[in-house]
């Protein structure tokens, strides 16, 4: 007869319960959770697949619809493209026409301006030549004492400057500094030694020191003498007097051309 040890049986029962609990905790429960997670994931995949199938079906339907109407859409697109191209061509032609008209207007204005400039330059050159010839002619036909008279007038004007405008004389002397002043004189006719000496004495007194005279003959001045010392320029020549007339004549010519 089989004898059972109660303590052994109880111990085996306890071991079985512990083993069962461990299996449940570490094997069956994680596997159950994993199975549920896989089932949920599978369900999500199935739902996503169904959604993709529905979307694909919708796209297919849309594609089939567009394919059915593709010829009409292509014709409409082509018509719109032709209309836009025609509008662009018209706008471009209008821009080109406007640009051509602007260029023509500017060209006419430039031509008119160049013509006026050429006419003004011609008048100025012609008048310059006439006045130069006139000055030289006056110098040749004038008696010799007129040259001496013009020279005396210039000398007198320098002495008068010292009597009436000493401030200007002082400013001139300060501007000359410490260097020996150079008096640049251009005479229409040769000066005698006496006339040169008188000229040197006059400008020596003006500068209040010895000066160096740079004298040259320029027949184009007609008659008289033109002198420069520092910033002071004195012109008592026929050419200088005719220069004022030249300015007046040019102004009158421009005014006449403007009215014409």
C-alpha atoms as a PDB file:
ATOM      1  CA  UNK A   1       0.000   0.000   0.000  1.00  0.00           C
ATOM      2  CA  UNK A   2       1.288   3.486  -1.093  1.00  0.00           C
ATOM      3  CA  UNK A   3       1.932   5.777   1.800  1.00  0.00           C
ATOM      4  CA  UNK A   4       1.724   9.533   1.271  1.00  0.00           C
ATOM      5  CA  UNK A   5       3.717  11.980   3.255  1.00  0.00           C
ATOM      6  CA  UNK A   6       1.485  14.952   3.970  1.00  0.00           C
ATOM      7  CA  UNK A   7       4.349  17.381   4.275  1.00  0.00           C
ATOM      8  CA  UNK A   8       5.732  16.249   0.933  1.00  0.00           C
ATOM      9  CA  UNK A   9       2.359  16.690  -0.701  1.00  0.00           C
ATOM     10  CA  UNK A  10       1.963  20.119   0.774  1.00  0.00           C
ATOM     11  CA  UNK A  11       5.439  21.093  -0.349  1.00  0.00           C
ATOM     12  CA  UNK A  12       4.725  19.892  -3.861  1.00  0.00           C
ATOM     13  CA  UNK A  13       1.487  21.850  -3.896  1.00  0.00           C
ATOM     14  CA  UNK A  14       3.310  24.994  -2.748  1.00  0.00           C
ATOM     15  CA  UNK A  15       5.987  24.479  -5.392  1.00  0.00           C
ATOM     16  CA  UNK A  16       3.316  24.026  -8.041  1.00  0.00           C
ATOM     17  CA  UNK A  17       1.538  27.193  -6.994  1.00  0.00           C
ATOM     18  CA  UNK A  18       4.791  29.161  -6.959  1.00  0.00           C
ATOM     19  CA  UNK A  19       5.755  27.783 -10.355  1.00  0.00           C
ATOM     20  CA  UNK A  20       2.291  28.560 -11.731  1.00  0.00           C
ATOM     21  CA  UNK A  21       2.474  32.069 -10.349  1.00  0.00           C
ATOM     22  CA  UNK A  22       5.887  32.620 -11.884  1.00  0.00           C
ATOM     23  CA  UNK A  23       4.712  31.257 -15.202  1.00  0.00           C
ATOM     24  CA  UNK A  24       1.722  33.566 -15.096  1.00  0.00           C
ATOM     25  CA  UNK A  25       3.750  36.609 -14.124  1.00  0.00           C
ATOM     26  CA  UNK A  26       6.710  36.163 -16.413  1.00  0.00           C
ATOM     27  CA  UNK A  27       5.305  34.162 -19.288  1.00  0.00           C
ATOM     28  CA  UNK A  28       1.552  34.065 -19.728  1.00  0.00           C
ATOM     29  CA  UNK A  29       0.763  37.664 -18.740  1.00  0.00           C
ATOM     30  CA  UNK A  30       3.527  39.232 -20.973  1.00  0.00           C
ATOM     31  CA  UNK A  31       2.510  36.936 -23.796  1.00  0.00           C
ATOM     32  CA  UNK A  32      -1.110  37.899 -23.281  1.00  0.00           C
ATOM     33  CA  UNK A  33      -0.202  41.585 -23.424  1.00  0.00           C
ATOM     34  CA  UNK A  34       1.936  40.975 -26.489  1.00  0.00           C
ATOM     35  CA  UNK A  35      -0.882  39.074 -28.165  1.00  0.00           C
ATOM     36  CA  UNK A  36      -3.321  41.883 -27.400  1.00  0.00           C
ATOM     37  CA  UNK A  37      -0.830  44.474 -28.702  1.00  0.00           C
ATOM     38  CA  UNK A  38      -0.298  42.465 -31.882  1.00  0.00           C
ATOM     39  CA  UNK A  39      -4.034  42.160 -32.298  1.00  0.00           C
ATOM     40  CA  UNK A  40      -4.471  45.926 -31.852  1.00  0.00           C
ATOM     41  CA  UNK A  41      -1.613  46.634 -34.242  1.00  0.00           C
ATOM     42  CA  UNK A  42      -3.105  44.238 -36.753  1.00  0.00           C
ATOM     43  CA  UNK A  43      -6.462  45.945 -36.373  1.00  0.00           C
ATOM     44  CA  UNK A  44      -4.801  49.361 -36.991  1.00  0.00           C
ATOM     45  CA  UNK A  45      -3.010  47.971 -40.027  1.00  0.00           C
ATOM     46  CA  UNK A  46      -6.279  46.595 -41.345  1.00  0.00           C
ATOM     47  CA  UNK A  47      -7.978  49.951 -40.831  1.00  0.00           C
ATOM     48  CA  UNK A  48      -5.078  51.757 -42.513  1.00  0.00           C
ATOM     49  CA  UNK A  49      -5.212  49.279 -45.383  1.00  0.00           C
ATOM     50  CA  UNK A  50      -8.925  49.849 -45.763  1.00  0.00           C
ATOM     51  CA  UNK A  51      -8.354  53.625 -45.697  1.00  0.00           C
ATOM     52  CA  UNK A  52      -5.626  53.280 -48.332  1.00  0.00           C
ATOM     53  CA  UNK A  53      -7.914  51.152 -50.465  1.00  0.00           C
ATOM     54  CA  UNK A  54     -10.671  53.727 -50.173  1.00  0.00           C
ATOM     55  CA  UNK A  55      -8.230  56.541 -51.009  1.00  0.00           C
ATOM     56  CA  UNK A  56      -6.880  54.568 -53.952  1.00  0.00           C
ATOM     57  CA  UNK A  57     -10.393  53.952 -55.137  1.00  0.00           C
ATOM     58  CA  UNK A  58     -11.176  57.665 -54.856  1.00  0.00           C
ATOM     59  CA  UNK A  59      -7.995  58.573 -56.745  1.00  0.00           C
ATOM     60  CA  UNK A  60      -8.793  56.028 -59.387  1.00  0.00           C
ATOM     61  CA  UNK A  61     -12.274  57.448 -59.752  1.00  0.00           C
ATOM     62  CA  UNK A  62     -10.893  60.978 -59.951  1.00  0.00           C
ATOM     63  CA  UNK A  63      -8.260  59.895 -62.473  1.00  0.00           C
ATOM     64  CA  UNK A  64     -10.872  58.152 -64.603  1.00  0.00           C
ATOM     65  CA  UNK A  65     -13.058  61.281 -64.433  1.00  0.00           C
ATOM     66  CA  UNK A  66     -10.171  63.564 -65.405  1.00  0.00           C
ATOM     67  CA  UNK A  67      -9.164  61.200 -68.187  1.00  0.00           C
ATOM     68  CA  UNK A  68     -12.730  61.319 -69.442  1.00  0.00           C
ATOM     69  CA  UNK A  69     -12.566  65.139 -69.561  1.00  0.00           C
ATOM     70  CA  UNK A  70      -8.889  65.494 -70.538  1.00  0.00           C
ATOM     71  CA  UNK A  71      -9.626  66.521 -74.116  1.00  0.00           C
ATOM     72  CA  UNK A  72     -11.960  69.311 -73.026  1.00  0.00           C
ATOM     73  CA  UNK A  73      -9.435  70.531 -70.455  1.00  0.00           C
ATOM     74  CA  UNK A  74      -6.609  70.412 -72.996  1.00  0.00           C
ATOM     75  CA  UNK A  75      -8.686  72.384 -75.485  1.00  0.00           C
ATOM     76  CA  UNK A  76      -9.575  74.963 -72.813  1.00  0.00           C
ATOM     77  CA  UNK A  77      -5.919  75.276 -71.737  1.00  0.00           C
ATOM     78  CA  UNK A  78      -4.807  75.694 -75.348  1.00  0.00           C
ATOM     79  CA  UNK A  79      -7.452  78.363 -75.937  1.00  0.00           C
ATOM     80  CA  UNK A  80      -6.403  80.267 -72.827  1.00  0.00           C
ATOM     81  CA  UNK A  81      -2.746  79.998 -73.842  1.00  0.00           C
ATOM     82  CA  UNK A  82      -3.520  81.393 -77.300  1.00  0.00           C
ATOM     83  CA  UNK A  83      -5.516  84.253 -75.778  1.00  0.00           C
ATOM     84  CA  UNK A  84      -2.679  85.063 -73.355  1.00  0.00           C
ATOM     85  CA  UNK A  85      -0.106  84.894 -76.143  1.00  0.00           C
ATOM     86  CA  UNK A  86      -2.195  87.263 -78.263  1.00  0.00           C
ATOM     87  CA  UNK A  87      -2.553  89.676 -75.330  1.00  0.00           C
ATOM     88  CA  UNK A  88       1.199  89.508 -74.668  1.00  0.00           C
ATOM     89  CA  UNK A  89       1.979  90.183 -78.332  1.00  0.00           C
ATOM     90  CA  UNK A  90      -0.363  93.174 -78.352  1.00  0.00           C
ATOM     91  CA  UNK A  91       1.157  94.569 -75.146  1.00  0.00           C
ATOM     92  CA  UNK A  92       4.678  94.054 -76.504  1.00  0.00           C
ATOM     93  CA  UNK A  93       3.820  95.798 -79.778  1.00  0.00           C
ATOM     94  CA  UNK A  94       2.349  98.736 -77.856  1.00  0.00           C
ATOM     95  CA  UNK A  95       5.483  98.974 -75.697  1.00  0.00           C
ATOM     96  CA  UNK A  96       7.720  98.820 -78.772  1.00  0.00           C
ATOM     97  CA  UNK A  97       5.670 101.493 -80.511  1.00  0.00           C
ATOM     98  CA  UNK A  98       5.796 103.748 -77.463  1.00  0.00           C
ATOM     99  CA  UNK A  99       9.568 103.229 -77.163  1.00  0.00           C
ATOM    100  CA  UNK A 100      10.072 103.983 -80.868  1.00  0.00           C
ATOM    101  CA  UNK A 101       8.033 107.177 -80.548  1.00  0.00           C
ATOM    102  CA  UNK A 102      10.045 108.194 -77.466  1.00  0.00           C
ATOM    103  CA  UNK A 103      13.333 107.531 -79.280  1.00  0.00           C
ATOM    104  CA  UNK A 104      12.162 109.540 -82.298  1.00  0.00           C
ATOM    105  CA  UNK A 105      11.160 112.470 -80.097  1.00  0.00           C
ATOM    106  CA  UNK A 106      14.505 112.363 -78.281  1.00  0.00           C
ATOM    107  CA  UNK A 107      16.346 112.075 -81.595  1.00  0.00           C
ATOM    108  CA  UNK A 108      14.522 115.135 -82.931  1.00  0.00           C
ATOM    109  CA  UNK A 109      15.300 117.061 -79.754  1.00  0.00           C
ATOM    110  CA  UNK A 110      18.965 115.998 -79.905  1.00  0.00           C
ATOM    111  CA  UNK A 111      19.175 116.949 -83.570  1.00  0.00           C
ATOM    112  CA  UNK A 112      17.635 120.347 -82.852  1.00  0.00           C
ATOM    113  CA  UNK A 113      19.970 120.855 -79.901  1.00  0.00           C
ATOM    114  CA  UNK A 114      23.026 119.820 -81.933  1.00  0.00           C
ATOM    115  CA  UNK A 115      21.945 122.116 -84.739  1.00  0.00           C
ATOM    116  CA  UNK A 116      21.551 125.032 -82.349  1.00  0.00           C
ATOM    117  CA  UNK A 117      24.902 124.213 -80.752  1.00  0.00           C
ATOM    118  CA  UNK A 118      26.597 124.024 -84.159  1.00  0.00           C
ATOM    119  CA  UNK A 119      25.020 127.328 -85.197  1.00  0.00           C
ATOM    120  CA  UNK A 120      26.062 128.965 -81.924  1.00  0.00           C
ATOM    121  CA  UNK A 121      29.612 127.649 -82.283  1.00  0.00           C
ATOM    122  CA  UNK A 122      29.738 128.821 -85.894  1.00  0.00           C
ATOM    123  CA  UNK A 123      28.534 132.279 -84.917  1.00  0.00           C
ATOM    124  CA  UNK A 124      31.000 132.426 -82.028  1.00  0.00           C
ATOM    125  CA  UNK A 125      33.928 131.335 -84.233  1.00  0.00           C
ATOM    126  CA  UNK A 126      32.895 133.674 -87.027  1.00  0.00           C
ATOM    127  CA  UNK A 127      32.478 136.594 -84.654  1.00  0.00           C
ATOM    128  CA  UNK A 128      35.801 135.787 -83.006  1.00  0.00           C
ATOM    129  CA  UNK A 129      37.533 135.826 -86.379  1.00  0.00           C
ATOM    130  CA  UNK A 130      35.791 139.069 -87.400  1.00  0.00           C
ATOM    131  CA  UNK A 131      36.725 140.776 -84.143  1.00  0.00           C
ATOM    132  CA  UNK A 132      40.324 139.532 -84.286  1.00  0.00           C
ATOM    133  CA  UNK A 133      40.659 140.832 -87.839  1.00  0.00           C
ATOM    134  CA  UNK A 134      38.953 144.052 -86.825  1.00  0.00           C
ATOM    135  CA  UNK A 135      41.317 144.550 -83.885  1.00  0.00           C
ATOM    136  CA  UNK A 136      44.369 143.904 -86.040  1.00  0.00           C
ATOM    137  CA  UNK A 137      42.996 146.204 -88.745  1.00  0.00           C
ATOM    138  CA  UNK A 138      42.361 148.979 -86.236  1.00  0.00           C
ATOM    139  CA  UNK A 139      45.892 148.541 -84.916  1.00  0.00           C
ATOM    140  CA  UNK A 140      47.382 148.860 -88.389  1.00  0.00           C
ATOM    141  CA  UNK A 141      45.414 151.900 -89.482  1.00  0.00           C
ATOM    142  CA  UNK A 142      45.505 153.783 -86.169  1.00  0.00           C
ATOM    143  CA  UNK A 143      48.127 156.470 -85.592  1.00  0.00           C
ATOM    144  CA  UNK A 144      51.023 155.627 -83.265  1.00  0.00           C
ATOM    145  CA  UNK A 145      49.984 158.094 -80.578  1.00  0.00           C
ATOM    146  CA  UNK A 146      46.856 156.003 -79.820  1.00  0.00           C
ATOM    147  CA  UNK A 147      49.066 153.162 -78.542  1.00  0.00           C
ATOM    148  CA  UNK A 148      50.862 155.623 -76.264  1.00  0.00           C
ATOM    149  CA  UNK A 149      47.516 157.027 -75.106  1.00  0.00           C
ATOM    150  CA  UNK A 150      46.174 153.571 -74.188  1.00  0.00           C
ATOM    151  CA  UNK A 151      49.413 152.782 -72.332  1.00  0.00           C
ATOM    152  CA  UNK A 152      49.174 156.081 -70.428  1.00  0.00           C
ATOM    153  CA  UNK A 153      45.547 155.348 -69.522  1.00  0.00           C
ATOM    154  CA  UNK A 154      46.556 152.009 -68.011  1.00  0.00           C
ATOM    155  CA  UNK A 155      49.380 153.596 -66.007  1.00  0.00           C
ATOM    156  CA  UNK A 156      47.036 156.316 -64.804  1.00  0.00           C
ATOM    157  CA  UNK A 157      44.427 153.749 -63.756  1.00  0.00           C
ATOM    158  CA  UNK A 158      47.043 151.994 -61.573  1.00  0.00           C
ATOM    159  CA  UNK A 159      48.007 155.273 -59.848  1.00  0.00           C
ATOM    160  CA  UNK A 160      44.322 156.104 -59.426  1.00  0.00           C
ATOM    161  CA  UNK A 161      43.805 152.722 -57.798  1.00  0.00           C
ATOM    162  CA  UNK A 162      46.428 153.636 -55.186  1.00  0.00           C
ATOM    163  CA  UNK A 163      44.627 156.895 -54.445  1.00  0.00           C
ATOM    164  CA  UNK A 164      41.024 155.603 -54.359  1.00  0.00           C
ATOM    165  CA  UNK A 165      41.184 151.966 -53.210  1.00  0.00           C
ATOM    166  CA  UNK A 166      44.167 151.473 -50.911  1.00  0.00           C
ATOM    167  CA  UNK A 167      42.493 148.455 -49.293  1.00  0.00           C
ATOM    168  CA  UNK A 168      42.605 146.624 -52.608  1.00  0.00           C
ATOM    169  CA  UNK A 169      46.248 147.586 -53.063  1.00  0.00           C
ATOM    170  CA  UNK A 170      47.120 146.282 -49.577  1.00  0.00           C
ATOM    171  CA  UNK A 171      45.304 143.009 -50.294  1.00  0.00           C
ATOM    172  CA  UNK A 172      47.266 142.643 -53.526  1.00  0.00           C
ATOM    173  CA  UNK A 173      50.596 143.272 -51.784  1.00  0.00           C
ATOM    174  CA  UNK A 174      49.803 140.671 -49.107  1.00  0.00           C
ATOM    175  CA  UNK A 175      48.815 138.120 -51.749  1.00  0.00           C
ATOM    176  CA  UNK A 176      52.189 138.528 -53.495  1.00  0.00           C
ATOM    177  CA  UNK A 177      54.016 137.168 -50.453  1.00  0.00           C
ATOM    178  CA  UNK A 178      57.774 137.590 -50.201  1.00  0.00           C
ATOM    179  CA  UNK A 179      58.680 136.540 -53.730  1.00  0.00           C
ATOM    180  CA  UNK A 180      59.606 138.981 -56.462  1.00  0.00           C
ATOM    181  CA  UNK A 181      56.379 139.726 -58.358  1.00  0.00           C
ATOM    182  CA  UNK A 182      56.226 139.011 -62.084  1.00  0.00           C
ATOM    183  CA  UNK A 183      54.215 141.482 -64.138  1.00  0.00           C
ATOM    184  CA  UNK A 184      52.899 139.734 -67.252  1.00  0.00           C
ATOM    185  CA  UNK A 185      52.374 142.352 -69.960  1.00  0.00           C
ATOM    186  CA  UNK A 186      51.033 141.721 -73.469  1.00  0.00           C
ATOM    187  CA  UNK A 187      51.203 144.731 -75.821  1.00  0.00           C
ATOM    188  CA  UNK A 188      49.734 145.050 -79.290  1.00  0.00           C
ATOM    189  CA  UNK A 189      52.770 147.028 -80.492  1.00  0.00           C
ATOM    190  CA  UNK A 190      56.394 147.181 -79.310  1.00  0.00           C
ATOM    191  CA  UNK A 191      57.057 149.555 -76.395  1.00  0.00           C
ATOM    192  CA  UNK A 192      59.889 152.030 -76.317  1.00  0.00           C
ATOM    193  CA  UNK A 193      62.452 151.787 -73.509  1.00  0.00           C
ATOM    194  CA  UNK A 194      60.878 154.863 -71.956  1.00  0.00           C
ATOM    195  CA  UNK A 195      57.425 153.281 -72.015  1.00  0.00           C
ATOM    196  CA  UNK A 196      58.793 150.068 -70.529  1.00  0.00           C
ATOM    197  CA  UNK A 197      60.544 152.043 -67.780  1.00  0.00           C
ATOM    198  CA  UNK A 198      57.342 153.923 -66.996  1.00  0.00           C
ATOM    199  CA  UNK A 199      55.462 150.613 -66.805  1.00  0.00           C
ATOM    200  CA  UNK A 200      58.068 149.117 -64.443  1.00  0.00           C
ATOM    201  CA  UNK A 201      57.979 152.184 -62.159  1.00  0.00           C
ATOM    202  CA  UNK A 202      54.184 152.110 -62.025  1.00  0.00           C
ATOM    203  CA  UNK A 203      53.936 148.459 -60.985  1.00  0.00           C
ATOM    204  CA  UNK A 204      56.958 148.730 -58.676  1.00  0.00           C
ATOM    205  CA  UNK A 205      55.029 151.399 -56.806  1.00  0.00           C
ATOM    206  CA  UNK A 206      51.879 149.253 -56.849  1.00  0.00           C
ATOM    207  CA  UNK A 207      53.673 146.194 -55.449  1.00  0.00           C
ATOM    208  CA  UNK A 208      55.884 148.315 -53.154  1.00  0.00           C
ATOM    209  CA  UNK A 209      58.915 146.285 -54.230  1.00  0.00           C
ATOM    210  CA  UNK A 210      60.986 145.530 -57.295  1.00  0.00           C
ATOM    211  CA  UNK A 211      59.177 143.607 -59.997  1.00  0.00           C
ATOM    212  CA  UNK A 212      60.124 141.464 -63.001  1.00  0.00           C
ATOM    213  CA  UNK A 213      58.521 142.509 -66.295  1.00  0.00           C
ATOM    214  CA  UNK A 214      57.488 139.725 -68.691  1.00  0.00           C
ATOM    215  CA  UNK A 215      56.643 141.665 -71.865  1.00  0.00           C
ATOM    216  CA  UNK A 216      55.540 140.078 -75.136  1.00  0.00           C
ATOM    217  CA  UNK A 217      53.976 141.469 -78.286  1.00  0.00           C
ATOM    218  CA  UNK A 218      50.567 140.147 -79.424  1.00  0.00           C
ATOM    219  CA  UNK A 219      49.324 141.894 -82.602  1.00  0.00           C
ATOM    220  CA  UNK A 220      45.859 140.309 -82.195  1.00  0.00           C
ATOM    221  CA  UNK A 221      45.237 142.792 -79.360  1.00  0.00           C
ATOM    222  CA  UNK A 222      45.017 145.544 -81.994  1.00  0.00           C
ATOM    223  CA  UNK A 223      46.088 148.452 -79.814  1.00  0.00           C
ATOM    224  CA  UNK A 224      46.867 148.915 -76.148  1.00  0.00           C
ATOM    225  CA  UNK A 225      48.242 146.674 -73.431  1.00  0.00           C
ATOM    226  CA  UNK A 226      46.977 143.943 -71.081  1.00  0.00           C
ATOM    227  CA  UNK A 227      48.760 143.477 -67.725  1.00  0.00           C
ATOM    228  CA  UNK A 228      48.458 140.932 -64.921  1.00  0.00           C
ATOM    229  CA  UNK A 229      50.104 140.981 -61.506  1.00  0.00           C
ATOM    230  CA  UNK A 230      48.935 138.427 -58.959  1.00  0.00           C
ATOM    231  CA  UNK A 231      45.134 138.305 -59.162  1.00  0.00           C
ATOM    232  CA  UNK A 232      44.853 141.790 -60.646  1.00  0.00           C
ATOM    233  CA  UNK A 233      44.200 141.963 -64.393  1.00  0.00           C
ATOM    234  CA  UNK A 234      44.110 145.313 -66.251  1.00  0.00           C
ATOM    235  CA  UNK A 235      43.027 145.301 -69.891  1.00  0.00           C
ATOM    236  CA  UNK A 236      43.173 148.481 -71.965  1.00  0.00           C
ATOM    237  CA  UNK A 237      43.240 146.982 -75.474  1.00  0.00           C
ATOM    238  CA  UNK A 238      41.052 147.239 -78.562  1.00  0.00           C
ATOM    239  CA  UNK A 239      40.597 143.443 -78.444  1.00  0.00           C
ATOM    240  CA  UNK A 240      39.369 143.689 -74.853  1.00  0.00           C
ATOM    241  CA  UNK A 241      36.893 146.410 -75.750  1.00  0.00           C
ATOM    242  CA  UNK A 242      35.672 144.397 -78.749  1.00  0.00           C
ATOM    243  CA  UNK A 243      35.241 141.356 -76.469  1.00  0.00           C
ATOM    244  CA  UNK A 244      32.409 143.144 -74.701  1.00  0.00           C
ATOM    245  CA  UNK A 245      30.847 143.821 -78.078  1.00  0.00           C
ATOM    246  CA  UNK A 246      31.257 140.125 -78.940  1.00  0.00           C
ATOM    247  CA  UNK A 247      29.220 139.101 -75.891  1.00  0.00           C
ATOM    248  CA  UNK A 248      26.454 141.547 -76.791  1.00  0.00           C
ATOM    249  CA  UNK A 249      26.349 140.379 -80.420  1.00  0.00           C
ATOM    250  CA  UNK A 250      26.181 136.696 -79.441  1.00  0.00           C
ATOM    251  CA  UNK A 251      23.338 137.402 -77.024  1.00  0.00           C
ATOM    252  CA  UNK A 252      21.457 139.298 -79.743  1.00  0.00           C
ATOM    253  CA  UNK A 253      21.975 136.434 -82.213  1.00  0.00           C
ATOM    254  CA  UNK A 254      20.691 133.845 -79.738  1.00  0.00           C
ATOM    255  CA  UNK A 255      17.642 135.954 -79.006  1.00  0.00           C
ATOM    256  CA  UNK A 256      16.920 136.378 -82.700  1.00  0.00           C
ATOM    257  CA  UNK A 257      17.283 132.631 -83.383  1.00  0.00           C
ATOM    258  CA  UNK A 258      15.013 131.850 -80.440  1.00  0.00           C
ATOM    259  CA  UNK A 259      12.287 134.106 -81.906  1.00  0.00           C
ATOM    260  CA  UNK A 260      12.771 132.632 -85.378  1.00  0.00           C
END
